[in-house]
Amino acid sequence: MLPAMNKNSVWILYIGCALAILLGSGGIATGAWWLIAILAVAHLAEFVVKRDVMVRAGGSMGNHFVQTMIYGFFHWKPIEDGQNADS
């Protein structure tokens, strides 16, 4: 199982991007916007691809969607590992 620190470290990236957008200018701010956009698309793709893992896990799909959009791999991978260990 992945350490909780990995999940929390995602926030460092988001806070850094927010600061770059708010305080930066030119290429720095533009790069931060691009990074946020790429992360959003990647996390949406992760949700679509790993949806079956989350369906098998049960619970609210809305919660799984939000958690995947925020944490991506760090949300669904521990769930998948737990399911594989059970089988």
N, C-alpha and C. Protein backbone atom coordinates (compact mmCIF):
# COMPACT_ATOMS: atom_id res chain seq x y z
N MET A 1 0.84 -1.18 0.00
CA MET A 1 0.00 0.00 0.00
C MET A 1 0.89 1.25 0.00
N LEU A 2 0.46 2.25 -0.71
CA LEU A 2 1.24 3.47 -0.81
C LEU A 2 1.11 4.30 0.47
N PRO A 3 2.18 4.91 0.90
CA PRO A 3 2.11 5.75 2.10
C PRO A 3 1.18 6.94 1.89
N ALA A 4 0.57 7.38 2.98
CA ALA A 4 -0.35 8.53 2.91
C ALA A 4 0.37 9.79 2.46
N MET A 5 1.66 9.87 2.70
CA MET A 5 2.43 11.05 2.31
C MET A 5 2.34 11.29 0.80
N ASN A 6 2.31 10.23 0.01
CA ASN A 6 2.19 10.40 -1.44
C ASN A 6 0.91 11.11 -1.81
N LYS A 7 -0.19 10.72 -1.15
CA LYS A 7 -1.48 11.33 -1.43
C LYS A 7 -1.45 12.81 -1.03
N ASN A 8 -0.85 13.10 0.10
CA ASN A 8 -0.79 14.49 0.55
C ASN A 8 0.17 15.33 -0.29
N SER A 9 1.18 14.71 -0.86
CA SER A 9 2.16 15.47 -1.64
C SER A 9 1.56 16.04 -2.92
N VAL A 10 0.44 15.52 -3.37
CA VAL A 10 -0.23 16.05 -4.55
C VAL A 10 -0.61 17.51 -4.30
N TRP A 11 -0.97 17.81 -3.06
CA TRP A 11 -1.37 19.18 -2.73
C TRP A 11 -0.22 20.17 -2.92
N ILE A 12 1.02 19.72 -2.75
CA ILE A 12 2.17 20.60 -2.97
C ILE A 12 2.18 21.07 -4.42
N LEU A 13 1.90 20.15 -5.33
CA LEU A 13 1.84 20.49 -6.75
C LEU A 13 0.73 21.50 -7.03
N TYR A 14 -0.47 21.24 -6.48
CA TYR A 14 -1.59 22.14 -6.71
C TYR A 14 -1.34 23.52 -6.10
N ILE A 15 -0.79 23.57 -4.90
CA ILE A 15 -0.51 24.86 -4.26
C ILE A 15 0.57 25.61 -5.04
N GLY A 16 1.59 24.87 -5.49
CA GLY A 16 2.63 25.50 -6.31
C GLY A 16 2.07 26.09 -7.59
N CYS A 17 1.19 25.35 -8.24
CA CYS A 17 0.56 25.86 -9.48
C CYS A 17 -0.29 27.08 -9.17
N ALA A 18 -1.05 27.03 -8.08
CA ALA A 18 -1.89 28.17 -7.72
C ALA A 18 -1.04 29.41 -7.46
N LEU A 19 0.05 29.23 -6.75
CA LEU A 19 0.94 30.36 -6.49
C LEU A 19 1.57 30.89 -7.78
N ALA A 20 1.95 29.98 -8.66
CA ALA A 20 2.53 30.41 -9.94
C ALA A 20 1.52 31.18 -10.77
N ILE A 21 0.27 30.76 -10.73
CA ILE A 21 -0.78 31.46 -11.49
C ILE A 21 -1.07 32.83 -10.87
N LEU A 22 -1.15 32.88 -9.54
CA LEU A 22 -1.50 34.12 -8.86
C LEU A 22 -0.34 35.12 -8.80
N LEU A 23 0.86 34.62 -8.57
CA LEU A 23 1.99 35.51 -8.35
C LEU A 23 2.94 35.60 -9.55
N GLY A 24 2.89 34.61 -10.41
CA GLY A 24 3.79 34.59 -11.55
C GLY A 24 3.24 35.38 -12.72
N SER A 25 4.03 35.44 -13.75
CA SER A 25 3.58 36.12 -14.96
C SER A 25 4.22 35.42 -16.16
N GLY A 26 3.68 35.69 -17.30
CA GLY A 26 4.25 35.16 -18.53
C GLY A 26 4.29 33.65 -18.57
N GLY A 27 5.47 33.12 -18.86
CA GLY A 27 5.65 31.69 -19.05
C GLY A 27 5.40 30.86 -17.80
N ILE A 28 5.70 31.42 -16.63
CA ILE A 28 5.48 30.68 -15.38
C ILE A 28 3.99 30.43 -15.17
N ALA A 29 3.19 31.48 -15.28
CA ALA A 29 1.75 31.34 -15.10
C ALA A 29 1.14 30.46 -16.19
N THR A 30 1.58 30.64 -17.42
CA THR A 30 1.08 29.82 -18.52
C THR A 30 1.43 28.36 -18.32
N GLY A 31 2.65 28.08 -17.89
CA GLY A 31 3.06 26.70 -17.62
C GLY A 31 2.23 26.06 -16.52
N ALA A 32 1.91 26.83 -15.50
CA ALA A 32 1.08 26.31 -14.41
C ALA A 32 -0.32 25.99 -14.90
N TRP A 33 -0.89 26.87 -15.73
CA TRP A 33 -2.21 26.58 -16.31
C TRP A 33 -2.17 25.30 -17.15
N TRP A 34 -1.13 25.14 -17.96
CA TRP A 34 -0.99 23.93 -18.78
C TRP A 34 -0.88 22.69 -17.90
N LEU A 35 -0.11 22.78 -16.83
CA LEU A 35 0.05 21.64 -15.94
C LEU A 35 -1.28 21.25 -15.30
N ILE A 36 -2.05 22.23 -14.86
CA ILE A 36 -3.37 21.96 -14.28
C ILE A 36 -4.28 21.32 -15.32
N ALA A 37 -4.26 21.82 -16.55
CA ALA A 37 -5.10 21.27 -17.61
C ALA A 37 -4.70 19.83 -17.93
N ILE A 38 -3.41 19.57 -18.03
CA ILE A 38 -2.93 18.21 -18.32
C ILE A 38 -3.31 17.26 -17.20
N LEU A 39 -3.16 17.70 -15.95
CA LEU A 39 -3.55 16.86 -14.81
C LEU A 39 -5.04 16.55 -14.85
N ALA A 40 -5.86 17.54 -15.17
CA ALA A 40 -7.31 17.32 -15.22
C ALA A 40 -7.67 16.28 -16.28
N VAL A 41 -7.07 16.40 -17.44
CA VAL A 41 -7.35 15.43 -18.52
C VAL A 41 -6.84 14.04 -18.14
N ALA A 42 -5.64 13.97 -17.56
CA ALA A 42 -5.07 12.68 -17.16
C ALA A 42 -5.92 12.02 -16.07
N HIS A 43 -6.36 12.78 -15.11
CA HIS A 43 -7.17 12.20 -14.03
C HIS A 43 -8.55 11.78 -14.53
N LEU A 44 -9.10 12.52 -15.47
CA LEU A 44 -10.37 12.11 -16.06
C LEU A 44 -10.21 10.79 -16.81
N ALA A 45 -9.11 10.66 -17.55
CA ALA A 45 -8.83 9.41 -18.26
C ALA A 45 -8.63 8.27 -17.28
N GLU A 46 -7.94 8.53 -16.17
CA GLU A 46 -7.76 7.49 -15.14
C GLU A 46 -9.11 7.02 -14.60
N PHE A 47 -10.01 7.96 -14.36
CA PHE A 47 -11.33 7.58 -13.84
C PHE A 47 -12.06 6.69 -14.83
N VAL A 48 -12.01 7.04 -16.09
CA VAL A 48 -12.70 6.24 -17.11
C VAL A 48 -12.09 4.85 -17.21
N VAL A 49 -10.77 4.77 -17.23
CA VAL A 49 -10.07 3.50 -17.40
C VAL A 49 -10.22 2.61 -16.16
N LYS A 50 -10.18 3.18 -14.99
CA LYS A 50 -10.21 2.40 -13.74
C LYS A 50 -11.57 2.40 -13.07
N ARG A 51 -12.60 2.79 -13.78
CA ARG A 51 -13.95 2.84 -13.22
C ARG A 51 -14.40 1.50 -12.66
N ASP A 52 -14.05 0.41 -13.34
CA ASP A 52 -14.47 -0.92 -12.87
C ASP A 52 -13.87 -1.25 -11.50
N VAL A 53 -12.67 -0.79 -11.23
CA VAL A 53 -12.04 -1.00 -9.91
C VAL A 53 -12.88 -0.30 -8.84
N MET A 54 -13.33 0.90 -9.14
CA MET A 54 -14.10 1.66 -8.17
C MET A 54 -15.51 1.12 -8.00
N VAL A 55 -16.09 0.60 -9.08
CA VAL A 55 -17.42 -0.03 -8.98
C VAL A 55 -17.34 -1.25 -8.06
N ARG A 56 -16.30 -2.07 -8.24
CA ARG A 56 -16.13 -3.25 -7.39
C ARG A 56 -15.87 -2.88 -5.93
N ALA A 57 -15.25 -1.73 -5.71
CA ALA A 57 -14.94 -1.28 -4.35
C ALA A 57 -16.20 -0.84 -3.62
N GLY A 58 -17.22 -0.47 -4.37
CA GLY A 58 -18.45 0.01 -3.75
C GLY A 58 -18.31 1.46 -3.32
N GLY A 59 -19.34 1.94 -2.66
CA GLY A 59 -19.33 3.33 -2.22
C GLY A 59 -19.83 4.26 -3.30
N SER A 60 -19.74 5.52 -3.02
CA SER A 60 -20.25 6.54 -3.91
C SER A 60 -19.33 6.75 -5.10
N MET A 61 -19.89 6.65 -6.30
CA MET A 61 -19.09 6.92 -7.48
C MET A 61 -18.73 8.40 -7.57
N GLY A 62 -19.59 9.25 -7.02
CA GLY A 62 -19.26 10.67 -6.96
C GLY A 62 -18.02 10.92 -6.13
N ASN A 63 -17.92 10.23 -4.99
CA ASN A 63 -16.74 10.35 -4.15
C ASN A 63 -15.51 9.81 -4.87
N HIS A 64 -15.65 8.66 -5.52
CA HIS A 64 -14.51 8.11 -6.27
C HIS A 64 -14.07 9.07 -7.38
N PHE A 65 -15.04 9.71 -8.04
CA PHE A 65 -14.70 10.65 -9.10
C PHE A 65 -13.91 11.83 -8.55
N VAL A 66 -14.40 12.43 -7.47
CA VAL A 66 -13.72 13.59 -6.88
C VAL A 66 -12.32 13.20 -6.40
N GLN A 67 -12.22 12.05 -5.71
CA GLN A 67 -10.93 11.60 -5.21
C GLN A 67 -9.95 11.33 -6.36
N THR A 68 -10.45 10.77 -7.46
CA THR A 68 -9.59 10.50 -8.61
C THR A 68 -9.18 11.81 -9.28
N MET A 69 -10.07 12.76 -9.37
CA MET A 69 -9.73 14.04 -9.98
C MET A 69 -8.69 14.80 -9.14
N ILE A 70 -8.70 14.58 -7.83
CA ILE A 70 -7.71 15.25 -6.98
C ILE A 70 -6.42 14.45 -6.92
N TYR A 71 -6.53 13.16 -6.60
CA TYR A 71 -5.34 12.36 -6.30
C TYR A 71 -4.92 11.40 -7.40
N GLY A 72 -5.80 11.10 -8.34
CA GLY A 72 -5.45 10.22 -9.45
C GLY A 72 -5.00 8.85 -8.99
N PHE A 73 -3.83 8.46 -9.42
CA PHE A 73 -3.22 7.16 -9.13
C PHE A 73 -3.23 6.85 -7.64
N PHE A 74 -3.00 7.84 -6.80
CA PHE A 74 -2.91 7.61 -5.37
C PHE A 74 -4.26 7.26 -4.74
N HIS A 75 -5.35 7.47 -5.47
CA HIS A 75 -6.66 7.03 -4.98
C HIS A 75 -6.98 5.61 -5.40
N TRP A 76 -6.88 5.34 -6.70
CA TRP A 76 -7.36 4.04 -7.18
C TRP A 76 -6.35 2.91 -7.01
N LYS A 77 -5.08 3.17 -6.98
CA LYS A 77 -4.08 2.09 -6.91
C LYS A 77 -4.17 1.29 -5.60
N PRO A 78 -4.31 1.92 -4.42
CA PRO A 78 -4.48 1.12 -3.20
C PRO A 78 -5.76 0.27 -3.23
N ILE A 79 -6.80 0.79 -3.85
CA ILE A 79 -8.04 0.02 -3.96
C ILE A 79 -7.80 -1.20 -4.83
N GLU A 80 -7.16 -0.98 -5.97
CA GLU A 80 -6.86 -2.08 -6.89
C GLU A 80 -5.94 -3.12 -6.22
N ASP A 81 -4.92 -2.67 -5.51
CA ASP A 81 -4.02 -3.59 -4.81
C ASP A 81 -4.76 -4.42 -3.78
N GLY A 82 -5.69 -3.80 -3.06
CA GLY A 82 -6.49 -4.53 -2.08
C GLY A 82 -7.38 -5.58 -2.73
N GLN A 83 -7.94 -5.24 -3.88
CA GLN A 83 -8.78 -6.20 -4.60
C GLN A 83 -7.95 -7.36 -5.12
N ASN A 84 -6.74 -7.09 -5.61
CA ASN A 84 -5.88 -8.14 -6.11
C ASN A 84 -5.39 -9.04 -4.99
N ALA A 85 -5.17 -8.48 -3.81
CA ALA A 85 -4.74 -9.29 -2.66
C ALA A 85 -5.85 -10.22 -2.18
N ASP A 86 -7.09 -9.77 -2.34
CA ASP A 86 -8.24 -10.57 -1.91
C ASP A 86 -8.50 -11.76 -2.84
N SER A 87 -8.06 -11.63 -4.11
CA SER A 87 -8.38 -12.71 -5.06
C SER A 87 -7.36 -13.80 -5.08
